[in-house]
Amino acid sequence: MARRTLYVFMIALSIALASISFRVSPASATDAAKIADELERSWPDWLPDLDKCPADVMPARDVAPDFSIERCSAAMDRCLDRCRKGDASGCYAAAIALGKIRAGRLTEALFLRACTLGIVSGCTNRAAGMDSGKGGSCALRTYRLACDRADPWACTMSAFHLIRGIGTDKDLDRARSALSRSCLLGEDDQACIYGKALLKEIDH
């Protein structure tokens, strides 16, 4: 039951993490898919190794995301070129835009590259893609570290594991502490909404 609950929650998380509202035209979606296919076939050196744990490559200094999903979706090649050149926001935007079309290995790599370049939410997103099986311990370490770096979704996810005892001992006090940071981006943020639901669960 715990595994099924985690799966459902992870689906909600993946939707919420990429919940920025925008429309992808059929033409731009087709172009983006072709570019994604080419990158996955060639897998250039600038794309990271997916065996790396986000917690181990998260830099000491954070970078504030500055991107437009609409622009990235309309010109995926430019967005990816920015990512290749070391622009964290380009990587993060490309990961979200591609995830709307077709999530997969490339999307995970782009989130991880955004993470290594300083966008903490990129680390959380990549951890979410590892949050089962052998990647569970890495995901939990990443959530904890990213929560310490004030990423609301990481705090909500860390609390979820602590409440359910998934990959760690149950600890409701630590869960409450993590949830106290789930609303750093406001009451309407999805991390806050799910965080409040978890808090209500443990307080009743």
N, C-alpha and C. Protein backbone atom coordinates (compact mmCIF):
# COMPACT_ATOMS: atom_id res chain seq x y z
N MET A 1 0.83 -1.20 0.00
CA MET A 1 0.00 0.00 0.00
C MET A 1 0.86 1.26 0.00
N ALA A 2 1.97 1.20 0.77
CA ALA A 2 2.85 2.37 0.84
C ALA A 2 3.44 2.68 -0.53
N ARG A 3 3.83 1.62 -1.27
CA ARG A 3 4.40 1.84 -2.60
C ARG A 3 3.38 2.46 -3.54
N ARG A 4 2.12 1.98 -3.48
CA ARG A 4 1.06 2.53 -4.32
C ARG A 4 0.80 3.99 -3.96
N THR A 5 0.79 4.29 -2.66
CA THR A 5 0.58 5.67 -2.21
C THR A 5 1.69 6.56 -2.72
N LEU A 6 2.92 6.07 -2.64
CA LEU A 6 4.06 6.85 -3.12
C LEU A 6 3.94 7.10 -4.61
N TYR A 7 3.53 6.09 -5.37
CA TYR A 7 3.40 6.24 -6.82
C TYR A 7 2.39 7.33 -7.16
N VAL A 8 1.23 7.29 -6.49
CA VAL A 8 0.20 8.30 -6.75
C VAL A 8 0.71 9.68 -6.39
N PHE A 9 1.40 9.77 -5.26
CA PHE A 9 1.91 11.06 -4.82
C PHE A 9 2.96 11.58 -5.79
N MET A 10 3.81 10.68 -6.31
CA MET A 10 4.84 11.10 -7.24
C MET A 10 4.23 11.61 -8.55
N ILE A 11 3.13 11.00 -8.97
CA ILE A 11 2.43 11.49 -10.16
C ILE A 11 1.96 12.91 -9.91
N ALA A 12 1.36 13.13 -8.76
CA ALA A 12 0.89 14.48 -8.41
C ALA A 12 2.06 15.45 -8.35
N LEU A 13 3.17 14.99 -7.81
CA LEU A 13 4.35 15.84 -7.71
C LEU A 13 4.86 16.23 -9.09
N SER A 14 4.98 15.26 -9.98
CA SER A 14 5.52 15.56 -11.30
C SER A 14 4.63 16.55 -12.05
N ILE A 15 3.32 16.43 -11.86
CA ILE A 15 2.40 17.37 -12.48
C ILE A 15 2.57 18.75 -11.87
N ALA A 16 2.67 18.80 -10.56
CA ALA A 16 2.75 20.08 -9.86
C ALA A 16 4.07 20.78 -10.13
N LEU A 17 5.16 20.02 -10.19
CA LEU A 17 6.46 20.62 -10.42
C LEU A 17 6.52 21.31 -11.77
N ALA A 18 5.78 20.79 -12.72
CA ALA A 18 5.78 21.37 -14.06
C ALA A 18 4.43 21.97 -14.39
N SER A 19 3.81 22.60 -13.40
CA SER A 19 2.43 23.05 -13.58
C SER A 19 2.31 24.46 -14.14
N ILE A 20 3.41 25.03 -14.60
CA ILE A 20 3.33 26.34 -15.22
C ILE A 20 2.46 26.23 -16.46
N SER A 21 1.46 27.05 -16.54
CA SER A 21 0.47 26.93 -17.62
C SER A 21 0.98 27.53 -18.92
N PHE A 22 1.02 26.70 -19.95
CA PHE A 22 1.35 27.20 -21.28
C PHE A 22 0.87 26.18 -22.29
N ARG A 23 0.72 26.64 -23.53
CA ARG A 23 0.29 25.75 -24.59
C ARG A 23 1.43 25.52 -25.56
N VAL A 24 1.54 24.29 -26.00
CA VAL A 24 2.56 23.93 -26.97
C VAL A 24 1.86 23.68 -28.29
N SER A 25 2.23 24.45 -29.30
CA SER A 25 1.60 24.25 -30.61
C SER A 25 2.07 22.93 -31.20
N PRO A 26 1.26 22.29 -32.03
CA PRO A 26 1.66 21.01 -32.64
C PRO A 26 2.99 21.11 -33.37
N ALA A 27 3.23 22.24 -34.05
CA ALA A 27 4.47 22.40 -34.80
C ALA A 27 5.68 22.44 -33.87
N SER A 28 5.58 23.25 -32.81
CA SER A 28 6.72 23.36 -31.90
C SER A 28 6.93 22.06 -31.13
N ALA A 29 5.84 21.34 -30.83
CA ALA A 29 5.96 20.06 -30.14
C ALA A 29 6.69 19.05 -31.02
N THR A 30 6.36 19.05 -32.32
CA THR A 30 7.02 18.14 -33.25
C THR A 30 8.51 18.47 -33.36
N ASP A 31 8.83 19.76 -33.49
CA ASP A 31 10.23 20.17 -33.57
C ASP A 31 10.99 19.78 -32.31
N ALA A 32 10.38 20.02 -31.15
CA ALA A 32 11.03 19.69 -29.88
C ALA A 32 11.27 18.18 -29.77
N ALA A 33 10.30 17.40 -30.21
CA ALA A 33 10.44 15.95 -30.16
C ALA A 33 11.58 15.47 -31.05
N LYS A 34 11.71 16.08 -32.23
CA LYS A 34 12.80 15.71 -33.14
C LYS A 34 14.16 16.05 -32.52
N ILE A 35 14.24 17.22 -31.91
CA ILE A 35 15.49 17.63 -31.27
C ILE A 35 15.82 16.69 -30.12
N ALA A 36 14.79 16.31 -29.36
CA ALA A 36 14.99 15.39 -28.23
C ALA A 36 15.49 14.04 -28.73
N ASP A 37 14.91 13.55 -29.83
CA ASP A 37 15.34 12.27 -30.40
C ASP A 37 16.81 12.32 -30.79
N GLU A 38 17.20 13.41 -31.42
CA GLU A 38 18.59 13.55 -31.86
C GLU A 38 19.55 13.58 -30.68
N LEU A 39 19.18 14.33 -29.65
CA LEU A 39 20.03 14.41 -28.46
C LEU A 39 20.14 13.06 -27.76
N GLU A 40 19.04 12.34 -27.67
CA GLU A 40 19.07 11.04 -27.01
C GLU A 40 19.92 10.04 -27.78
N ARG A 41 19.93 10.16 -29.11
CA ARG A 41 20.76 9.25 -29.92
C ARG A 41 22.24 9.58 -29.76
N SER A 42 22.57 10.86 -29.77
CA SER A 42 23.98 11.26 -29.72
C SER A 42 24.52 11.37 -28.29
N TRP A 43 23.66 11.74 -27.37
CA TRP A 43 24.00 11.96 -25.95
C TRP A 43 25.35 12.66 -25.81
N PRO A 44 25.38 13.96 -26.10
CA PRO A 44 26.64 14.72 -26.05
C PRO A 44 27.25 14.77 -24.65
N ASP A 45 28.53 15.12 -24.62
CA ASP A 45 29.28 15.11 -23.36
C ASP A 45 28.71 16.06 -22.31
N TRP A 46 28.02 17.11 -22.72
CA TRP A 46 27.54 18.08 -21.74
C TRP A 46 26.32 17.60 -20.97
N LEU A 47 25.69 16.52 -21.44
CA LEU A 47 24.59 15.93 -20.68
C LEU A 47 25.17 15.06 -19.57
N PRO A 48 24.66 15.19 -18.36
CA PRO A 48 25.27 14.48 -17.22
C PRO A 48 24.94 13.00 -17.18
N ASP A 49 25.74 12.29 -16.39
CA ASP A 49 25.55 10.87 -16.13
C ASP A 49 24.38 10.72 -15.15
N LEU A 50 23.36 9.98 -15.54
CA LEU A 50 22.17 9.85 -14.70
C LEU A 50 22.41 8.99 -13.47
N ASP A 51 23.57 8.38 -13.35
CA ASP A 51 23.87 7.61 -12.15
C ASP A 51 24.25 8.51 -10.98
N LYS A 52 24.52 9.77 -11.28
CA LYS A 52 24.91 10.70 -10.22
C LYS A 52 23.71 11.07 -9.35
N CYS A 53 23.96 11.17 -8.06
CA CYS A 53 22.90 11.58 -7.14
C CYS A 53 22.88 13.10 -7.05
N PRO A 54 21.71 13.72 -7.21
CA PRO A 54 21.64 15.19 -7.13
C PRO A 54 22.24 15.76 -5.85
N ALA A 55 22.08 15.05 -4.76
CA ALA A 55 22.63 15.54 -3.48
C ALA A 55 24.15 15.66 -3.54
N ASP A 56 24.78 14.86 -4.39
CA ASP A 56 26.24 14.85 -4.47
C ASP A 56 26.80 15.90 -5.44
N VAL A 57 25.94 16.45 -6.28
CA VAL A 57 26.42 17.43 -7.27
C VAL A 57 25.81 18.80 -7.08
N MET A 58 24.98 18.96 -6.06
CA MET A 58 24.36 20.25 -5.79
C MET A 58 25.43 21.24 -5.34
N PRO A 59 25.61 22.34 -6.06
CA PRO A 59 26.67 23.29 -5.70
C PRO A 59 26.31 24.08 -4.44
N ALA A 60 27.33 24.69 -3.85
CA ALA A 60 27.12 25.46 -2.62
C ALA A 60 26.31 26.72 -2.87
N ARG A 61 26.39 27.25 -4.07
CA ARG A 61 25.70 28.50 -4.39
C ARG A 61 24.49 28.23 -5.27
N ASP A 62 23.34 28.79 -4.86
CA ASP A 62 22.10 28.64 -5.62
C ASP A 62 22.02 29.68 -6.74
N VAL A 63 21.30 29.32 -7.79
CA VAL A 63 21.02 30.24 -8.89
C VAL A 63 19.51 30.43 -8.95
N ALA A 64 19.06 31.66 -8.98
CA ALA A 64 17.63 31.93 -9.08
C ALA A 64 17.14 31.64 -10.49
N PRO A 65 16.13 30.79 -10.66
CA PRO A 65 15.61 30.50 -12.00
C PRO A 65 15.07 31.75 -12.68
N ASP A 66 15.38 31.89 -13.96
CA ASP A 66 14.90 33.03 -14.75
C ASP A 66 14.65 32.50 -16.15
N PHE A 67 13.40 32.15 -16.44
CA PHE A 67 13.13 31.49 -17.72
C PHE A 67 11.70 31.70 -18.15
N SER A 68 11.45 31.39 -19.41
CA SER A 68 10.10 31.42 -19.98
C SER A 68 9.85 30.08 -20.66
N ILE A 69 8.89 29.34 -20.15
CA ILE A 69 8.57 28.05 -20.74
C ILE A 69 8.03 28.23 -22.16
N GLU A 70 7.26 29.30 -22.36
CA GLU A 70 6.69 29.54 -23.68
C GLU A 70 7.78 29.75 -24.72
N ARG A 71 8.78 30.59 -24.38
CA ARG A 71 9.87 30.85 -25.34
C ARG A 71 10.69 29.59 -25.58
N CYS A 72 10.92 28.85 -24.53
CA CYS A 72 11.71 27.63 -24.68
C CYS A 72 10.97 26.61 -25.53
N SER A 73 9.67 26.49 -25.32
CA SER A 73 8.88 25.55 -26.10
C SER A 73 8.86 25.93 -27.58
N ALA A 74 8.82 27.24 -27.85
CA ALA A 74 8.76 27.71 -29.24
C ALA A 74 10.11 27.63 -29.93
N ALA A 75 11.19 27.64 -29.16
CA ALA A 75 12.54 27.61 -29.74
C ALA A 75 13.41 26.69 -28.89
N MET A 76 13.10 25.40 -28.93
CA MET A 76 13.79 24.44 -28.09
C MET A 76 15.29 24.38 -28.40
N ASP A 77 15.66 24.54 -29.66
CA ASP A 77 17.07 24.47 -30.01
C ASP A 77 17.87 25.58 -29.31
N ARG A 78 17.32 26.77 -29.24
CA ARG A 78 17.99 27.87 -28.56
C ARG A 78 18.08 27.62 -27.06
N CYS A 79 17.00 27.11 -26.51
CA CYS A 79 16.96 26.82 -25.08
C CYS A 79 18.02 25.77 -24.72
N LEU A 80 18.12 24.74 -25.51
CA LEU A 80 19.10 23.70 -25.27
C LEU A 80 20.53 24.19 -25.48
N ASP A 81 20.69 25.11 -26.43
CA ASP A 81 22.02 25.67 -26.65
C ASP A 81 22.47 26.48 -25.44
N ARG A 82 21.54 27.21 -24.84
CA ARG A 82 21.86 27.93 -23.60
C ARG A 82 22.25 26.96 -22.51
N CYS A 83 21.53 25.86 -22.44
CA CYS A 83 21.84 24.84 -21.45
C CYS A 83 23.24 24.27 -21.69
N ARG A 84 23.53 23.96 -22.93
CA ARG A 84 24.85 23.43 -23.28
C ARG A 84 25.97 24.37 -22.85
N LYS A 85 25.71 25.67 -22.96
CA LYS A 85 26.71 26.67 -22.62
C LYS A 85 26.79 26.96 -21.11
N GLY A 86 25.95 26.27 -20.33
CA GLY A 86 26.04 26.42 -18.89
C GLY A 86 25.01 27.31 -18.25
N ASP A 87 23.91 27.59 -18.97
CA ASP A 87 22.84 28.41 -18.42
C ASP A 87 21.84 27.51 -17.70
N ALA A 88 21.79 27.61 -16.37
CA ALA A 88 20.94 26.73 -15.58
C ALA A 88 19.46 26.86 -15.93
N SER A 89 19.02 28.10 -16.14
CA SER A 89 17.61 28.33 -16.46
C SER A 89 17.22 27.72 -17.80
N GLY A 90 18.14 27.73 -18.76
CA GLY A 90 17.88 27.11 -20.05
C GLY A 90 17.65 25.61 -19.89
N CYS A 91 18.45 24.98 -19.03
CA CYS A 91 18.30 23.55 -18.78
C CYS A 91 16.96 23.25 -18.10
N TYR A 92 16.64 24.06 -17.11
CA TYR A 92 15.43 23.85 -16.32
C TYR A 92 14.18 24.05 -17.19
N ALA A 93 14.18 25.11 -17.98
CA ALA A 93 13.05 25.39 -18.86
C ALA A 93 12.89 24.29 -19.90
N ALA A 94 14.00 23.83 -20.47
CA ALA A 94 13.94 22.77 -21.48
C ALA A 94 13.40 21.48 -20.88
N ALA A 95 13.80 21.18 -19.64
CA ALA A 95 13.32 19.97 -18.99
C ALA A 95 11.81 20.01 -18.79
N ILE A 96 11.29 21.15 -18.35
CA ILE A 96 9.85 21.27 -18.13
C ILE A 96 9.10 21.22 -19.46
N ALA A 97 9.60 21.95 -20.44
CA ALA A 97 8.93 21.99 -21.74
C ALA A 97 8.91 20.61 -22.40
N LEU A 98 10.03 19.91 -22.35
CA LEU A 98 10.08 18.57 -22.93
C LEU A 98 9.22 17.60 -22.13
N GLY A 99 9.17 17.81 -20.82
CA GLY A 99 8.35 16.94 -19.99
C GLY A 99 6.88 17.03 -20.32
N LYS A 100 6.46 18.19 -20.81
CA LYS A 100 5.07 18.36 -21.22
C LYS A 100 4.76 17.56 -22.49
N ILE A 101 5.81 17.32 -23.26
CA ILE A 101 5.63 16.59 -24.52
C ILE A 101 5.92 15.10 -24.34
N ARG A 102 7.07 14.83 -23.69
CA ARG A 102 7.49 13.44 -23.51
C ARG A 102 8.56 13.38 -22.43
N ALA A 103 8.16 13.00 -21.24
CA ALA A 103 9.13 12.87 -20.16
C ALA A 103 9.97 11.62 -20.38
N GLY A 104 11.20 11.66 -19.91
CA GLY A 104 12.07 10.50 -20.08
C GLY A 104 13.50 10.79 -19.68
N ARG A 105 14.40 10.02 -20.23
CA ARG A 105 15.81 10.09 -19.86
C ARG A 105 16.40 11.48 -20.09
N LEU A 106 16.07 12.09 -21.21
CA LEU A 106 16.61 13.42 -21.52
C LEU A 106 16.09 14.46 -20.54
N THR A 107 14.82 14.40 -20.23
CA THR A 107 14.24 15.33 -19.27
C THR A 107 14.96 15.22 -17.93
N GLU A 108 15.20 13.99 -17.49
CA GLU A 108 15.89 13.77 -16.22
C GLU A 108 17.30 14.33 -16.26
N ALA A 109 17.97 14.16 -17.39
CA ALA A 109 19.34 14.68 -17.53
C ALA A 109 19.37 16.20 -17.49
N LEU A 110 18.37 16.82 -18.09
CA LEU A 110 18.31 18.29 -18.10
C LEU A 110 18.02 18.83 -16.70
N PHE A 111 17.15 18.15 -15.96
CA PHE A 111 16.93 18.56 -14.56
C PHE A 111 18.22 18.41 -13.76
N LEU A 112 18.94 17.33 -14.00
CA LEU A 112 20.18 17.12 -13.26
C LEU A 112 21.22 18.16 -13.63
N ARG A 113 21.30 18.53 -14.90
CA ARG A 113 22.25 19.57 -15.30
C ARG A 113 21.85 20.91 -14.67
N ALA A 114 20.57 21.20 -14.63
CA ALA A 114 20.11 22.43 -13.96
C ALA A 114 20.52 22.39 -12.49
N CYS A 115 20.43 21.22 -11.90
CA CYS A 115 20.84 21.04 -10.51
C CYS A 115 22.32 21.33 -10.33
N THR A 116 23.15 20.74 -11.17
CA THR A 116 24.60 20.94 -11.04
C THR A 116 24.99 22.39 -11.28
N LEU A 117 24.15 23.12 -12.03
CA LEU A 117 24.43 24.53 -12.32
C LEU A 117 23.81 25.48 -11.29
N GLY A 118 23.11 24.92 -10.30
CA GLY A 118 22.69 25.74 -9.19
C GLY A 118 21.20 25.93 -8.94
N ILE A 119 20.33 25.35 -9.78
CA ILE A 119 18.89 25.47 -9.52
C ILE A 119 18.46 24.30 -8.64
N VAL A 120 18.17 24.60 -7.39
CA VAL A 120 17.87 23.55 -6.41
C VAL A 120 16.63 22.75 -6.81
N SER A 121 15.64 23.42 -7.40
CA SER A 121 14.45 22.71 -7.83
C SER A 121 14.76 21.67 -8.91
N GLY A 122 15.81 21.90 -9.66
CA GLY A 122 16.25 20.90 -10.63
C GLY A 122 16.69 19.63 -9.92
N CYS A 123 17.33 19.79 -8.76
CA CYS A 123 17.76 18.64 -7.96
C CYS A 123 16.54 17.88 -7.44
N THR A 124 15.55 18.62 -6.96
CA THR A 124 14.33 17.99 -6.45
C THR A 124 13.60 17.23 -7.55
N ASN A 125 13.51 17.84 -8.72
CA ASN A 125 12.84 17.18 -9.85
C ASN A 125 13.56 15.90 -10.25
N ARG A 126 14.88 15.95 -10.31
CA ARG A 126 15.63 14.75 -10.67
C ARG A 126 15.47 13.69 -9.59
N ALA A 127 15.47 14.09 -8.32
CA ALA A 127 15.28 13.14 -7.23
C ALA A 127 13.92 12.46 -7.33
N ALA A 128 12.90 13.22 -7.75
CA ALA A 128 11.57 12.64 -7.89
C ALA A 128 11.56 11.51 -8.91
N GLY A 129 12.41 11.64 -9.93
CA GLY A 129 12.50 10.60 -10.94
C GLY A 129 13.26 9.37 -10.46
N MET A 130 13.90 9.47 -9.30
CA MET A 130 14.69 8.36 -8.75
C MET A 130 14.01 7.77 -7.51
N ASP A 131 12.88 8.29 -7.15
CA ASP A 131 12.27 7.98 -5.86
C ASP A 131 11.56 6.64 -5.82
N SER A 132 12.28 5.61 -6.15
CA SER A 132 11.78 4.24 -6.05
C SER A 132 12.96 3.30 -6.23
N GLY A 133 12.84 2.11 -5.72
CA GLY A 133 13.88 1.12 -5.90
C GLY A 133 15.23 1.58 -5.37
N LYS A 134 16.27 1.36 -6.17
CA LYS A 134 17.63 1.64 -5.75
C LYS A 134 17.91 3.12 -5.58
N GLY A 135 17.11 3.97 -6.24
CA GLY A 135 17.36 5.41 -6.15
C GLY A 135 16.70 6.07 -4.97
N GLY A 136 15.98 5.31 -4.16
CA GLY A 136 15.22 5.89 -3.07
C GLY A 136 16.08 6.61 -2.03
N SER A 137 17.20 6.01 -1.64
CA SER A 137 18.04 6.64 -0.61
C SER A 137 18.65 7.93 -1.12
N CYS A 138 19.01 7.96 -2.40
CA CYS A 138 19.55 9.19 -3.00
C CYS A 138 18.48 10.27 -3.03
N ALA A 139 17.27 9.88 -3.42
CA ALA A 139 16.17 10.84 -3.49
C ALA A 139 15.92 11.47 -2.12
N LEU A 140 15.91 10.64 -1.09
CA LEU A 140 15.64 11.14 0.25
C LEU A 140 16.75 12.09 0.71
N ARG A 141 18.00 11.75 0.44
CA ARG A 141 19.12 12.64 0.78
C ARG A 141 18.99 13.97 0.06
N THR A 142 18.58 13.88 -1.20
CA THR A 142 18.43 15.10 -2.00
C THR A 142 17.31 15.98 -1.46
N TYR A 143 16.17 15.37 -1.14
CA TYR A 143 15.07 16.15 -0.58
C TYR A 143 15.49 16.88 0.69
N ARG A 144 16.20 16.17 1.55
CA ARG A 144 16.62 16.78 2.81
C ARG A 144 17.55 17.96 2.57
N LEU A 145 18.51 17.76 1.69
CA LEU A 145 19.47 18.82 1.41
C LEU A 145 18.79 20.00 0.71
N ALA A 146 17.93 19.70 -0.25
CA ALA A 146 17.23 20.77 -0.98
C ALA A 146 16.25 21.50 -0.07
N CYS A 147 15.66 20.79 0.88
CA CYS A 147 14.78 21.45 1.84
C CYS A 147 15.58 22.42 2.70
N ASP A 148 16.77 22.00 3.10
CA ASP A 148 17.65 22.90 3.87
C ASP A 148 18.01 24.14 3.06
N ARG A 149 17.94 24.00 1.72
CA ARG A 149 18.23 25.12 0.83
C ARG A 149 16.95 25.86 0.43
N ALA A 150 15.88 25.60 1.17
CA ALA A 150 14.61 26.34 1.03
C ALA A 150 13.85 26.03 -0.25
N ASP A 151 13.91 24.79 -0.73
CA ASP A 151 13.07 24.39 -1.86
C ASP A 151 11.79 23.77 -1.32
N PRO A 152 10.64 24.42 -1.48
CA PRO A 152 9.39 23.95 -0.86
C PRO A 152 9.01 22.53 -1.22
N TRP A 153 9.14 22.15 -2.53
CA TRP A 153 8.74 20.79 -2.89
C TRP A 153 9.63 19.76 -2.23
N ALA A 154 10.90 20.07 -2.07
CA ALA A 154 11.80 19.15 -1.39
C ALA A 154 11.35 18.94 0.04
N CYS A 155 10.90 20.01 0.68
CA CYS A 155 10.43 19.92 2.06
C CYS A 155 9.17 19.06 2.15
N THR A 156 8.26 19.26 1.22
CA THR A 156 7.03 18.46 1.20
C THR A 156 7.35 16.99 0.97
N MET A 157 8.25 16.71 0.05
CA MET A 157 8.61 15.32 -0.24
C MET A 157 9.35 14.68 0.92
N SER A 158 10.24 15.43 1.55
CA SER A 158 10.95 14.91 2.71
C SER A 158 9.96 14.54 3.81
N ALA A 159 9.00 15.43 4.05
CA ALA A 159 7.99 15.17 5.07
C ALA A 159 7.15 13.95 4.72
N PHE A 160 6.81 13.81 3.45
CA PHE A 160 6.02 12.65 3.01
C PHE A 160 6.71 11.35 3.39
N HIS A 161 8.00 11.27 3.15
CA HIS A 161 8.76 10.06 3.49
C HIS A 161 8.80 9.84 5.00
N LEU A 162 8.99 10.91 5.74
CA LEU A 162 9.07 10.80 7.20
C LEU A 162 7.73 10.39 7.81
N ILE A 163 6.64 10.85 7.22
CA ILE A 163 5.31 10.49 7.72
C ILE A 163 4.99 9.04 7.42
N ARG A 164 5.33 8.59 6.21
CA ARG A 164 5.01 7.23 5.79
C ARG A 164 6.07 6.21 6.23
N GLY A 165 7.24 6.69 6.60
CA GLY A 165 8.32 5.77 6.94
C GLY A 165 8.87 5.08 5.71
N ILE A 166 8.89 5.79 4.58
CA ILE A 166 9.40 5.22 3.32
C ILE A 166 10.88 5.57 3.18
N GLY A 167 11.72 4.57 3.27
CA GLY A 167 13.16 4.78 3.13
C GLY A 167 13.81 5.36 4.37
N THR A 168 13.03 5.56 5.40
CA THR A 168 13.54 6.14 6.64
C THR A 168 12.58 5.80 7.77
N ASP A 169 13.02 6.01 9.01
CA ASP A 169 12.13 5.79 10.14
C ASP A 169 11.06 6.88 10.17
N LYS A 170 9.88 6.54 10.63
CA LYS A 170 8.84 7.55 10.79
C LYS A 170 9.29 8.56 11.85
N ASP A 171 9.08 9.82 11.56
CA ASP A 171 9.46 10.87 12.50
C ASP A 171 8.56 12.07 12.25
N LEU A 172 7.47 12.14 12.99
CA LEU A 172 6.48 13.19 12.75
C LEU A 172 6.98 14.56 13.15
N ASP A 173 7.87 14.63 14.14
CA ASP A 173 8.42 15.93 14.52
C ASP A 173 9.28 16.52 13.40
N ARG A 174 10.11 15.68 12.82
CA ARG A 174 10.94 16.14 11.70
C ARG A 174 10.06 16.46 10.50
N ALA A 175 8.99 15.70 10.32
CA ALA A 175 8.07 15.97 9.21
C ALA A 175 7.44 17.34 9.39
N ARG A 176 6.99 17.64 10.58
CA ARG A 176 6.40 18.97 10.84
C ARG A 176 7.40 20.08 10.58
N SER A 177 8.65 19.85 10.97
CA SER A 177 9.70 20.85 10.74
C SER A 177 9.89 21.10 9.25
N ALA A 178 9.90 20.02 8.47
CA ALA A 178 10.05 20.17 7.01
C ALA A 178 8.84 20.89 6.43
N LEU A 179 7.65 20.53 6.90
CA LEU A 179 6.43 21.13 6.36
C LEU A 179 6.30 22.61 6.69
N SER A 180 7.02 23.05 7.71
CA SER A 180 6.98 24.48 8.05
C SER A 180 7.62 25.33 6.95
N ARG A 181 8.33 24.65 6.02
CA ARG A 181 8.97 25.37 4.91
C ARG A 181 8.32 25.05 3.56
N SER A 182 7.20 24.36 3.58
CA SER A 182 6.54 24.00 2.33
C SER A 182 5.82 25.16 1.68
N CYS A 183 5.58 26.22 2.42
CA CYS A 183 4.80 27.34 1.90
C CYS A 183 5.65 28.58 1.67
N LEU A 184 6.94 28.39 1.45
CA LEU A 184 7.84 29.53 1.27
C LEU A 184 7.50 30.35 0.03
N LEU A 185 6.83 29.73 -0.93
CA LEU A 185 6.46 30.45 -2.16
C LEU A 185 5.01 30.91 -2.15
N GLY A 186 4.34 30.76 -1.02
CA GLY A 186 2.97 31.24 -0.92
C GLY A 186 1.94 30.15 -0.74
N GLU A 187 0.77 30.54 -0.31
CA GLU A 187 -0.30 29.60 0.00
C GLU A 187 -0.85 28.89 -1.23
N ASP A 188 -0.72 29.51 -2.39
CA ASP A 188 -1.28 28.91 -3.61
C ASP A 188 -0.30 27.96 -4.31
N ASP A 189 0.93 27.92 -3.83
CA ASP A 189 1.93 27.03 -4.43
C ASP A 189 1.54 25.58 -4.16
N GLN A 190 1.71 24.72 -5.16
CA GLN A 190 1.32 23.32 -5.01
C GLN A 190 2.06 22.62 -3.87
N ALA A 191 3.30 22.99 -3.66
CA ALA A 191 4.05 22.39 -2.55
C ALA A 191 3.38 22.70 -1.23
N CYS A 192 2.86 23.90 -1.11
CA CYS A 192 2.16 24.32 0.10
C CYS A 192 0.84 23.58 0.25
N ILE A 193 0.11 23.45 -0.83
CA ILE A 193 -1.19 22.77 -0.79
C ILE A 193 -1.03 21.32 -0.36
N TYR A 194 -0.06 20.62 -0.97
CA TYR A 194 0.17 19.23 -0.58
C TYR A 194 0.75 19.15 0.82
N GLY A 195 1.59 20.12 1.16
CA GLY A 195 2.18 20.14 2.49
C GLY A 195 1.11 20.30 3.56
N LYS A 196 0.16 21.17 3.33
CA LYS A 196 -0.93 21.37 4.30
C LYS A 196 -1.78 20.10 4.43
N ALA A 197 -1.97 19.40 3.33
CA ALA A 197 -2.73 18.16 3.38
C ALA A 197 -2.00 17.12 4.24
N LEU A 198 -0.69 17.07 4.10
CA LEU A 198 0.10 16.14 4.91
C LEU A 198 0.07 16.53 6.38
N LEU A 199 0.14 17.82 6.65
CA LEU A 199 0.11 18.30 8.02
C LEU A 199 -1.23 17.97 8.68
N LYS A 200 -2.30 18.16 7.90
CA LYS A 200 -3.63 17.82 8.41
C LYS A 200 -3.74 16.34 8.73
N GLU A 201 -3.09 15.54 7.90
CA GLU A 201 -3.12 14.08 8.09
C GLU A 201 -2.48 13.67 9.42
N ILE A 202 -1.33 14.28 9.73
CA ILE A 202 -0.63 13.86 10.95
C ILE A 202 -1.17 14.53 12.20
N ASP A 203 -1.95 15.58 12.04
CA ASP A 203 -2.51 16.27 13.21
C ASP A 203 -3.91 15.80 13.56
N HIS A 204 -4.40 14.77 12.84
CA HIS A 204 -5.73 14.23 13.15
C HIS A 204 -5.66 12.74 13.41
